[in-house]
Protein backbone atom coordinates (compact mmCIF):
# COMPACT_ATOMS: atom_id res chain seq x y z
CA MET A 1 -5.51 -29.43 15.80
CA ALA A 2 -7.96 -27.60 13.70
CA THR A 3 -6.75 -25.30 10.67
CA LYS A 4 -8.15 -21.88 11.13
CA LEU A 5 -10.01 -20.61 8.08
CA PRO A 6 -9.46 -17.18 6.81
CA LYS A 7 -12.12 -14.53 7.95
CA ALA A 8 -14.32 -13.01 5.27
CA PRO A 9 -13.85 -9.12 4.99
CA THR A 10 -16.66 -7.02 6.50
CA MET A 11 -18.61 -4.95 4.42
CA ARG A 12 -16.64 -1.88 5.34
CA GLN A 13 -13.46 -3.58 4.64
CA ARG A 14 -14.70 -4.76 1.25
CA LYS A 15 -15.67 -1.09 0.50
CA ALA A 16 -12.34 0.13 1.74
CA MET A 17 -10.58 -2.57 -0.43
CA GLY A 18 -12.46 -1.64 -3.59
CA LEU A 19 -11.88 2.06 -3.03
CA PHE A 20 -8.13 1.42 -2.50
CA LEU A 21 -7.81 -0.76 -5.62
CA LYS A 22 -9.80 2.08 -7.59
CA TYR A 23 -7.49 4.77 -6.32
CA MET A 24 -4.56 2.81 -7.01
CA GLU A 25 -5.55 2.14 -10.44
CA GLN A 26 -6.39 5.75 -11.25
CA PHE A 27 -3.01 6.79 -9.74
CA ASN A 28 -1.27 4.07 -12.00
CA LYS A 29 -2.97 5.50 -15.01
CA GLY A 30 -2.03 9.15 -14.13
CA GLU A 31 -5.79 10.08 -13.64
CA ILE A 32 -5.15 11.39 -10.24
CA LYS A 33 -2.02 12.97 -8.84
CA ASN A 34 -2.50 12.62 -5.29
CA PRO A 35 -4.32 9.55 -4.08
CA PRO A 36 -6.42 9.79 -0.87
CA THR A 37 -5.01 8.96 2.44
CA MET A 38 -5.87 5.66 4.19
CA LYS A 39 -7.74 7.91 6.60
CA GLU A 40 -9.67 9.41 3.74
CA ILE A 41 -10.51 5.89 2.23
CA LEU A 42 -11.71 4.66 5.70
CA ALA A 43 -13.95 7.69 6.00
CA GLU A 44 -15.38 7.02 2.49
CA SER A 45 -16.02 3.47 3.62
CA GLY A 46 -18.12 4.35 6.45
CA TYR A 47 -15.58 3.82 9.32
CA GLY A 48 -15.70 5.85 12.41
CA LYS A 49 -13.37 8.53 13.60
CA SER A 50 -11.48 6.34 15.89
CA ALA A 51 -10.56 4.03 12.99
CA GLN A 52 -9.97 6.91 10.67
CA ASP A 53 -7.40 8.34 13.28
CA LYS A 54 -5.68 4.94 13.65
CA PRO A 55 -5.96 3.35 10.26
CA GLN A 56 -3.32 0.68 11.37
CA VAL A 57 -5.97 -1.11 13.28
CA ILE A 58 -7.48 -2.02 9.93
CA THR A 59 -4.44 -2.24 7.95
CA HIS A 60 -2.66 -4.58 10.32
CA SER A 61 -5.57 -6.93 10.51
CA GLN A 62 -5.20 -10.39 9.08
CA THR A 63 -7.98 -9.79 6.52
CA TRP A 64 -6.31 -6.75 5.07
CA GLN A 65 -3.02 -8.35 4.95
CA ASP A 66 -4.47 -11.06 3.03
CA PHE A 67 -5.98 -8.55 0.63
CA MET A 68 -2.77 -6.70 0.20
CA SER A 69 -0.75 -9.87 -0.41
CA SER A 70 -3.18 -10.50 -3.48
CA ILE A 71 -1.85 -7.21 -5.20
CA ASP A 72 1.01 -7.65 -7.47
CA ASP A 73 4.08 -5.74 -6.44
CA THR A 74 5.45 -5.43 -10.03
CA PRO A 75 3.52 -2.20 -11.08
CA ILE A 76 4.75 -0.41 -7.80
CA VAL A 77 8.43 -1.47 -8.17
CA GLN A 78 8.20 -0.26 -11.76
CA LYS A 79 6.68 3.07 -10.73
CA LEU A 80 9.36 3.34 -8.21
CA HIS A 81 12.14 2.58 -10.73
CA GLN A 82 10.49 5.16 -13.08
CA TRP A 83 10.39 7.86 -10.24
CA ALA A 84 13.73 7.37 -9.02
CA LYS A 85 15.14 8.13 -12.45
CA ASP A 86 13.19 11.36 -12.82
CA ASP A 87 15.16 14.76 -13.28
CA ASP A 88 13.00 16.57 -10.70
CA PRO A 89 14.08 15.96 -7.26
CA ALA A 90 10.53 16.90 -6.03
CA VAL A 91 8.92 14.14 -8.18
CA ARG A 92 11.64 11.70 -6.98
CA GLY A 93 11.12 12.46 -3.41
CA HIS A 94 7.31 12.73 -3.34
CA SER A 95 6.76 9.57 -5.53
CA ILE A 96 9.17 7.54 -3.73
CA ARG A 97 7.60 8.23 -0.44
CA ALA A 98 4.21 7.24 -1.94
CA ALA A 99 5.50 3.84 -3.15
CA GLN A 100 6.97 3.07 0.33
CA GLU A 101 3.71 3.80 1.90
CA VAL A 102 2.14 1.54 -0.34
CA LEU A 103 4.93 -1.11 0.20
CA LYS A 104 4.55 -0.58 3.90
CA LEU A 105 0.87 -1.07 3.82
CA LYS A 106 1.47 -4.51 2.01
CA ASP A 107 4.18 -5.25 4.68
CA ARG A 108 6.79 -5.36 2.01
CA TYR A 109 8.85 -2.45 2.89
CA PRO A 110 11.72 -3.92 5.20
CA ALA A 111 10.98 -3.31 8.83
CA THR A 112 13.74 -5.69 9.39
CA LYS A 113 16.52 -6.72 7.09
CA SER A 114 16.17 -10.45 7.47
CA LYS A 115 12.41 -10.03 7.03
CA HIS A 116 12.46 -8.81 3.56
CA SER A 117 15.93 -8.98 2.30
CA HIS A 118 14.92 -9.42 -1.21
CA LEU A 119 13.05 -6.35 -1.53
CA HIS A 120 15.70 -4.35 0.36
CA ALA A 121 18.23 -5.61 -2.25
CA GLU A 122 15.83 -4.55 -5.28
CA LEU A 123 15.41 -0.92 -3.77
CA LYS A 124 19.06 -0.65 -3.14
CA ASP A 125 19.59 -1.57 -6.81
CA LEU A 126 17.30 1.18 -7.78
CA TYR A 127 19.29 3.90 -5.87
CA GLN A 128 22.62 2.87 -7.49
């Protein structure tokens, strides 16, 4: 049985990945407060309206999942921990939801308890 080689990202995927990393870095540095949505990133990358309206078609692809798995979770978890301790409930709520979305994109937010039980335990510890 032949081993399947990973697919190389398309030009649009590479552009979307680059924009995603750029905005994530700007957000982590505090340069931007509200990073663009995946719909906006896909539009900026040249994807059509149908892909923009259903970004999961792109983000659930194996190529995108491989890209997301290469991103270190540590800064996301550290930010989540920092936000969870913020005195302003609005900051906590919005920021935690933003971190959850990034973790969902990385398929690291527990869809099922058994799938990512270690991450679930880390998030549970943050809330205690």
